[in-house]
Amino acid sequence: MIKLELIRFCIVGVIAVSVQYGVYYLVQLLASHNVAYTIGYLVSFTINYILTTSFTFKASKNFNNGIGFTACHIINFLLQIGLLNFFIYIDMNKVIAPLPVFAICVPTNVLLVKWVMKKF
């Protein structure tokens, strides 16, 4: 059962990261990287919560796990936006900069979200 849950978690993760990066890529053509990243994160967050509760963990959407999920993602967003700005500050191309951010932040978020969904 845990293997199937991990596979579903990975599928949702790939979808969420793809949506976030796709929105970021398109919006950064028109706005600052911070605005683009925030918009991408918010769109991805919404899709991620719906898929995480209904598909990955098959948990009910309720106030407690919604708050927990949001808290995890606030922490994750702050870490991501900080790292994004760091990588851009050290002259990484703003189109490529999200990639190492995802590599660092996704595993951290996996642990936080799994804990919240199991607890609430």
N, C-alpha and C. Protein backbone atom coordinates (compact mmCIF):
# COMPACT_ATOMS: atom_id res chain seq x y z
N MET A 1 0.82 -1.20 0.00
CA MET A 1 0.00 0.00 0.00
C MET A 1 0.86 1.26 0.00
N ILE A 2 1.96 1.22 0.75
CA ILE A 2 2.84 2.38 0.82
C ILE A 2 3.48 2.66 -0.55
N LYS A 3 3.82 1.61 -1.30
CA LYS A 3 4.41 1.81 -2.62
C LYS A 3 3.43 2.53 -3.55
N LEU A 4 2.17 2.11 -3.52
CA LEU A 4 1.17 2.75 -4.36
C LEU A 4 0.98 4.22 -3.97
N GLU A 5 0.99 4.48 -2.67
CA GLU A 5 0.87 5.86 -2.19
C GLU A 5 2.06 6.69 -2.66
N LEU A 6 3.25 6.12 -2.63
CA LEU A 6 4.45 6.83 -3.08
C LEU A 6 4.36 7.13 -4.58
N ILE A 7 3.87 6.18 -5.35
CA ILE A 7 3.72 6.39 -6.79
C ILE A 7 2.72 7.52 -7.05
N ARG A 8 1.58 7.49 -6.33
CA ARG A 8 0.58 8.55 -6.50
C ARG A 8 1.15 9.89 -6.07
N PHE A 9 1.93 9.91 -4.98
CA PHE A 9 2.55 11.15 -4.52
C PHE A 9 3.49 11.70 -5.58
N CYS A 10 4.26 10.84 -6.21
CA CYS A 10 5.18 11.28 -7.26
C CYS A 10 4.43 11.83 -8.47
N ILE A 11 3.34 11.19 -8.84
CA ILE A 11 2.54 11.67 -9.97
C ILE A 11 2.00 13.07 -9.69
N VAL A 12 1.44 13.24 -8.49
CA VAL A 12 0.91 14.55 -8.11
C VAL A 12 2.04 15.57 -8.04
N GLY A 13 3.18 15.18 -7.52
CA GLY A 13 4.32 16.08 -7.44
C GLY A 13 4.79 16.55 -8.81
N VAL A 14 4.85 15.63 -9.75
CA VAL A 14 5.27 16.00 -11.11
C VAL A 14 4.26 16.96 -11.73
N ILE A 15 2.98 16.69 -11.52
CA ILE A 15 1.94 17.59 -12.04
C ILE A 15 2.07 18.97 -11.42
N ALA A 16 2.21 19.02 -10.09
CA ALA A 16 2.28 20.31 -9.38
C ALA A 16 3.52 21.11 -9.81
N VAL A 17 4.66 20.46 -9.89
CA VAL A 17 5.89 21.16 -10.28
C VAL A 17 5.80 21.62 -11.74
N SER A 18 5.23 20.78 -12.60
CA SER A 18 5.08 21.15 -14.01
C SER A 18 4.17 22.36 -14.18
N VAL A 19 3.05 22.36 -13.45
CA VAL A 19 2.13 23.50 -13.51
C VAL A 19 2.83 24.75 -12.98
N GLN A 20 3.51 24.62 -11.83
CA GLN A 20 4.18 25.77 -11.24
C GLN A 20 5.23 26.33 -12.20
N TYR A 21 6.04 25.47 -12.77
CA TYR A 21 7.08 25.95 -13.67
C TYR A 21 6.48 26.53 -14.96
N GLY A 22 5.45 25.88 -15.49
CA GLY A 22 4.82 26.38 -16.71
C GLY A 22 4.23 27.77 -16.53
N VAL A 23 3.51 27.96 -15.42
CA VAL A 23 2.94 29.28 -15.14
C VAL A 23 4.07 30.29 -14.91
N TYR A 24 5.08 29.90 -14.13
CA TYR A 24 6.23 30.78 -13.89
C TYR A 24 6.87 31.21 -15.22
N TYR A 25 7.12 30.24 -16.08
CA TYR A 25 7.78 30.53 -17.34
C TYR A 25 7.00 31.55 -18.17
N LEU A 26 5.69 31.34 -18.26
CA LEU A 26 4.87 32.25 -19.06
C LEU A 26 4.75 33.64 -18.43
N VAL A 27 4.53 33.68 -17.13
CA VAL A 27 4.31 34.98 -16.47
C VAL A 27 5.61 35.77 -16.37
N GLN A 28 6.76 35.11 -16.23
CA GLN A 28 8.01 35.85 -16.10
C GLN A 28 8.37 36.59 -17.38
N LEU A 29 7.72 36.25 -18.48
CA LEU A 29 7.91 37.00 -19.71
C LEU A 29 7.27 38.39 -19.62
N LEU A 30 6.28 38.52 -18.71
CA LEU A 30 5.53 39.77 -18.58
C LEU A 30 5.75 40.49 -17.25
N ALA A 31 6.23 39.78 -16.24
CA ALA A 31 6.34 40.36 -14.90
C ALA A 31 7.66 39.92 -14.27
N SER A 32 7.93 40.44 -13.10
CA SER A 32 9.16 40.07 -12.39
C SER A 32 9.15 38.60 -12.02
N HIS A 33 10.33 38.05 -11.79
CA HIS A 33 10.43 36.64 -11.44
C HIS A 33 9.70 36.34 -10.13
N ASN A 34 9.70 37.29 -9.19
CA ASN A 34 9.00 37.05 -7.92
C ASN A 34 7.48 36.99 -8.10
N VAL A 35 6.94 37.88 -8.91
CA VAL A 35 5.50 37.86 -9.19
C VAL A 35 5.14 36.58 -9.94
N ALA A 36 5.94 36.24 -10.94
CA ALA A 36 5.68 35.04 -11.73
C ALA A 36 5.74 33.79 -10.87
N TYR A 37 6.73 33.73 -9.99
CA TYR A 37 6.89 32.55 -9.14
C TYR A 37 5.73 32.43 -8.15
N THR A 38 5.30 33.54 -7.62
CA THR A 38 4.18 33.53 -6.67
C THR A 38 2.89 33.08 -7.34
N ILE A 39 2.62 33.59 -8.52
CA ILE A 39 1.42 33.19 -9.25
C ILE A 39 1.48 31.70 -9.58
N GLY A 40 2.62 31.26 -10.06
CA GLY A 40 2.80 29.83 -10.36
C GLY A 40 2.61 28.97 -9.13
N TYR A 41 3.13 29.43 -8.02
CA TYR A 41 3.02 28.67 -6.77
C TYR A 41 1.56 28.57 -6.34
N LEU A 42 0.83 29.66 -6.42
CA LEU A 42 -0.57 29.66 -5.99
C LEU A 42 -1.44 28.74 -6.86
N VAL A 43 -1.22 28.78 -8.16
CA VAL A 43 -1.98 27.89 -9.05
C VAL A 43 -1.62 26.43 -8.74
N SER A 44 -0.35 26.16 -8.62
CA SER A 44 0.11 24.81 -8.31
C SER A 44 -0.40 24.34 -6.95
N PHE A 45 -0.41 25.23 -5.97
CA PHE A 45 -0.88 24.91 -4.62
C PHE A 45 -2.32 24.41 -4.65
N THR A 46 -3.16 25.10 -5.38
CA THR A 46 -4.57 24.73 -5.46
C THR A 46 -4.74 23.34 -6.08
N ILE A 47 -4.09 23.10 -7.19
CA ILE A 47 -4.16 21.81 -7.86
C ILE A 47 -3.57 20.72 -6.95
N ASN A 48 -2.46 21.04 -6.32
CA ASN A 48 -1.77 20.10 -5.45
C ASN A 48 -2.66 19.66 -4.28
N TYR A 49 -3.34 20.60 -3.64
CA TYR A 49 -4.20 20.24 -2.50
C TYR A 49 -5.34 19.32 -2.94
N ILE A 50 -5.97 19.66 -4.04
CA ILE A 50 -7.08 18.85 -4.53
C ILE A 50 -6.60 17.44 -4.86
N LEU A 51 -5.50 17.32 -5.58
CA LEU A 51 -4.99 16.00 -5.96
C LEU A 51 -4.41 15.24 -4.76
N THR A 52 -3.76 15.94 -3.85
CA THR A 52 -3.17 15.27 -2.69
C THR A 52 -4.25 14.65 -1.81
N THR A 53 -5.32 15.39 -1.58
CA THR A 53 -6.37 14.85 -0.71
C THR A 53 -7.18 13.78 -1.41
N SER A 54 -7.55 14.00 -2.67
CA SER A 54 -8.46 13.07 -3.33
C SER A 54 -7.75 11.87 -3.98
N PHE A 55 -6.53 12.03 -4.43
CA PHE A 55 -5.84 10.98 -5.17
C PHE A 55 -4.71 10.34 -4.37
N THR A 56 -3.81 11.13 -3.84
CA THR A 56 -2.64 10.57 -3.18
C THR A 56 -2.98 9.87 -1.87
N PHE A 57 -3.58 10.60 -0.95
CA PHE A 57 -3.84 10.05 0.38
C PHE A 57 -5.30 9.67 0.59
N LYS A 58 -6.15 9.98 -0.39
CA LYS A 58 -7.58 9.70 -0.29
C LYS A 58 -8.14 10.15 1.06
N ALA A 59 -7.79 11.37 1.41
CA ALA A 59 -8.21 11.97 2.68
C ALA A 59 -9.33 12.95 2.40
N SER A 60 -10.14 13.18 3.40
CA SER A 60 -11.21 14.16 3.22
C SER A 60 -10.61 15.56 3.22
N LYS A 61 -11.23 16.43 2.47
CA LYS A 61 -10.81 17.83 2.49
C LYS A 61 -11.50 18.46 3.68
N ASN A 62 -10.73 18.80 4.70
CA ASN A 62 -11.32 19.39 5.89
C ASN A 62 -10.46 20.54 6.38
N PHE A 63 -10.99 21.25 7.35
CA PHE A 63 -10.31 22.44 7.87
C PHE A 63 -8.91 22.11 8.39
N ASN A 64 -8.79 21.03 9.16
CA ASN A 64 -7.50 20.70 9.78
C ASN A 64 -6.43 20.37 8.76
N ASN A 65 -6.74 19.48 7.80
CA ASN A 65 -5.68 19.17 6.85
C ASN A 65 -5.47 20.32 5.86
N GLY A 66 -6.52 21.13 5.64
CA GLY A 66 -6.35 22.32 4.80
C GLY A 66 -5.39 23.33 5.43
N ILE A 67 -5.57 23.54 6.73
CA ILE A 67 -4.66 24.45 7.46
C ILE A 67 -3.25 23.88 7.51
N GLY A 68 -3.15 22.59 7.81
CA GLY A 68 -1.83 21.95 7.86
C GLY A 68 -1.13 21.98 6.52
N PHE A 69 -1.87 21.69 5.46
CA PHE A 69 -1.32 21.71 4.11
C PHE A 69 -0.85 23.13 3.76
N THR A 70 -1.68 24.11 4.10
CA THR A 70 -1.32 25.51 3.84
C THR A 70 -0.07 25.91 4.62
N ALA A 71 0.01 25.52 5.89
CA ALA A 71 1.18 25.85 6.70
C ALA A 71 2.45 25.24 6.10
N CYS A 72 2.36 23.97 5.67
CA CYS A 72 3.51 23.33 5.02
C CYS A 72 3.94 24.12 3.79
N HIS A 73 2.95 24.56 3.04
CA HIS A 73 3.26 25.25 1.79
C HIS A 73 3.71 26.69 2.00
N ILE A 74 3.33 27.29 3.08
CA ILE A 74 3.88 28.62 3.39
C ILE A 74 5.37 28.49 3.68
N ILE A 75 5.72 27.49 4.48
CA ILE A 75 7.14 27.23 4.76
C ILE A 75 7.87 26.93 3.46
N ASN A 76 7.29 26.06 2.66
CA ASN A 76 7.90 25.67 1.39
C ASN A 76 8.04 26.86 0.44
N PHE A 77 7.00 27.69 0.34
CA PHE A 77 7.07 28.86 -0.53
C PHE A 77 8.19 29.81 -0.11
N LEU A 78 8.28 30.07 1.19
CA LEU A 78 9.33 30.98 1.67
C LEU A 78 10.72 30.43 1.35
N LEU A 79 10.89 29.14 1.53
CA LEU A 79 12.17 28.51 1.18
C LEU A 79 12.41 28.61 -0.33
N GLN A 80 11.39 28.34 -1.11
CA GLN A 80 11.55 28.39 -2.57
C GLN A 80 11.84 29.80 -3.08
N ILE A 81 11.11 30.77 -2.62
CA ILE A 81 11.31 32.14 -3.12
C ILE A 81 12.68 32.67 -2.69
N GLY A 82 13.10 32.29 -1.49
CA GLY A 82 14.44 32.67 -1.02
C GLY A 82 15.53 32.06 -1.87
N LEU A 83 15.40 30.77 -2.14
CA LEU A 83 16.40 30.11 -2.98
C LEU A 83 16.37 30.62 -4.42
N LEU A 84 15.18 30.86 -4.95
CA LEU A 84 15.07 31.40 -6.31
C LEU A 84 15.84 32.73 -6.41
N ASN A 85 15.61 33.60 -5.46
CA ASN A 85 16.30 34.89 -5.48
C ASN A 85 17.80 34.74 -5.27
N PHE A 86 18.20 33.78 -4.46
CA PHE A 86 19.62 33.52 -4.27
C PHE A 86 20.26 33.08 -5.58
N PHE A 87 19.63 32.11 -6.25
CA PHE A 87 20.20 31.61 -7.50
C PHE A 87 20.24 32.68 -8.58
N ILE A 88 19.22 33.51 -8.64
CA ILE A 88 19.22 34.61 -9.60
C ILE A 88 20.28 35.64 -9.21
N TYR A 89 20.45 35.89 -7.91
CA TYR A 89 21.46 36.83 -7.43
C TYR A 89 22.87 36.39 -7.84
N ILE A 90 23.11 35.08 -7.84
CA ILE A 90 24.45 34.60 -8.23
C ILE A 90 24.55 34.39 -9.75
N ASP A 91 23.65 35.06 -10.48
CA ASP A 91 23.66 35.12 -11.94
C ASP A 91 23.21 33.85 -12.66
N MET A 92 22.39 33.04 -12.01
CA MET A 92 21.78 31.94 -12.73
C MET A 92 20.63 32.51 -13.56
N ASN A 93 20.47 32.02 -14.75
CA ASN A 93 19.39 32.46 -15.62
C ASN A 93 18.05 32.25 -14.93
N LYS A 94 17.16 33.24 -15.02
CA LYS A 94 15.88 33.15 -14.30
C LYS A 94 14.96 32.07 -14.84
N VAL A 95 15.20 31.60 -16.04
CA VAL A 95 14.42 30.49 -16.59
C VAL A 95 14.88 29.16 -15.99
N ILE A 96 16.15 29.05 -15.69
CA ILE A 96 16.72 27.81 -15.14
C ILE A 96 16.72 27.79 -13.62
N ALA A 97 16.73 28.93 -12.99
CA ALA A 97 16.85 29.02 -11.52
C ALA A 97 15.82 28.20 -10.74
N PRO A 98 14.58 28.03 -11.21
CA PRO A 98 13.65 27.20 -10.44
C PRO A 98 14.04 25.72 -10.34
N LEU A 99 14.83 25.23 -11.27
CA LEU A 99 15.15 23.81 -11.28
C LEU A 99 15.91 23.36 -10.03
N PRO A 100 17.00 24.03 -9.64
CA PRO A 100 17.64 23.61 -8.38
C PRO A 100 16.76 23.90 -7.16
N VAL A 101 15.91 24.91 -7.27
CA VAL A 101 14.97 25.21 -6.18
C VAL A 101 14.06 24.00 -5.96
N PHE A 102 13.51 23.47 -7.04
CA PHE A 102 12.64 22.30 -6.92
C PHE A 102 13.41 21.11 -6.35
N ALA A 103 14.64 20.92 -6.81
CA ALA A 103 15.44 19.79 -6.34
C ALA A 103 15.68 19.84 -4.83
N ILE A 104 15.79 21.03 -4.30
CA ILE A 104 16.02 21.20 -2.86
C ILE A 104 14.71 21.15 -2.08
N CYS A 105 13.70 21.82 -2.58
CA CYS A 105 12.47 22.04 -1.79
C CYS A 105 11.44 20.93 -1.88
N VAL A 106 11.38 20.24 -2.99
CA VAL A 106 10.36 19.20 -3.13
C VAL A 106 10.52 18.10 -2.09
N PRO A 107 11.72 17.56 -1.87
CA PRO A 107 11.83 16.51 -0.84
C PRO A 107 11.44 17.00 0.56
N THR A 108 11.77 18.23 0.88
CA THR A 108 11.39 18.79 2.18
C THR A 108 9.87 18.87 2.30
N ASN A 109 9.24 19.34 1.25
CA ASN A 109 7.79 19.47 1.27
C ASN A 109 7.10 18.10 1.32
N VAL A 110 7.68 17.11 0.67
CA VAL A 110 7.13 15.76 0.71
C VAL A 110 6.98 15.29 2.14
N LEU A 111 8.01 15.45 2.92
CA LEU A 111 7.98 15.00 4.31
C LEU A 111 6.96 15.77 5.13
N LEU A 112 6.90 17.08 4.94
CA LEU A 112 5.95 17.90 5.69
C LEU A 112 4.50 17.55 5.35
N VAL A 113 4.20 17.46 4.07
CA VAL A 113 2.83 17.19 3.64
C VAL A 113 2.39 15.79 4.04
N LYS A 114 3.26 14.83 3.90
CA LYS A 114 2.91 13.45 4.29
C LYS A 114 2.55 13.42 5.78
N TRP A 115 3.34 14.08 6.59
CA TRP A 115 3.07 14.11 8.02
C TRP A 115 1.70 14.74 8.31
N VAL A 116 1.41 15.86 7.66
CA VAL A 116 0.13 16.55 7.87
C VAL A 116 -1.05 15.69 7.43
N MET A 117 -0.96 15.08 6.25
CA MET A 117 -2.08 14.30 5.73
C MET A 117 -2.33 13.05 6.59
N LYS A 118 -1.30 12.51 7.16
CA LYS A 118 -1.46 11.34 8.03
C LYS A 118 -1.98 11.74 9.41
N LYS A 119 -1.60 12.91 9.86
CA LYS A 119 -1.98 13.37 11.20
C LYS A 119 -3.41 13.89 11.24
N PHE A 120 -3.84 14.59 10.20
CA PHE A 120 -5.16 15.22 10.21
C PHE A 120 -6.07 14.57 9.20
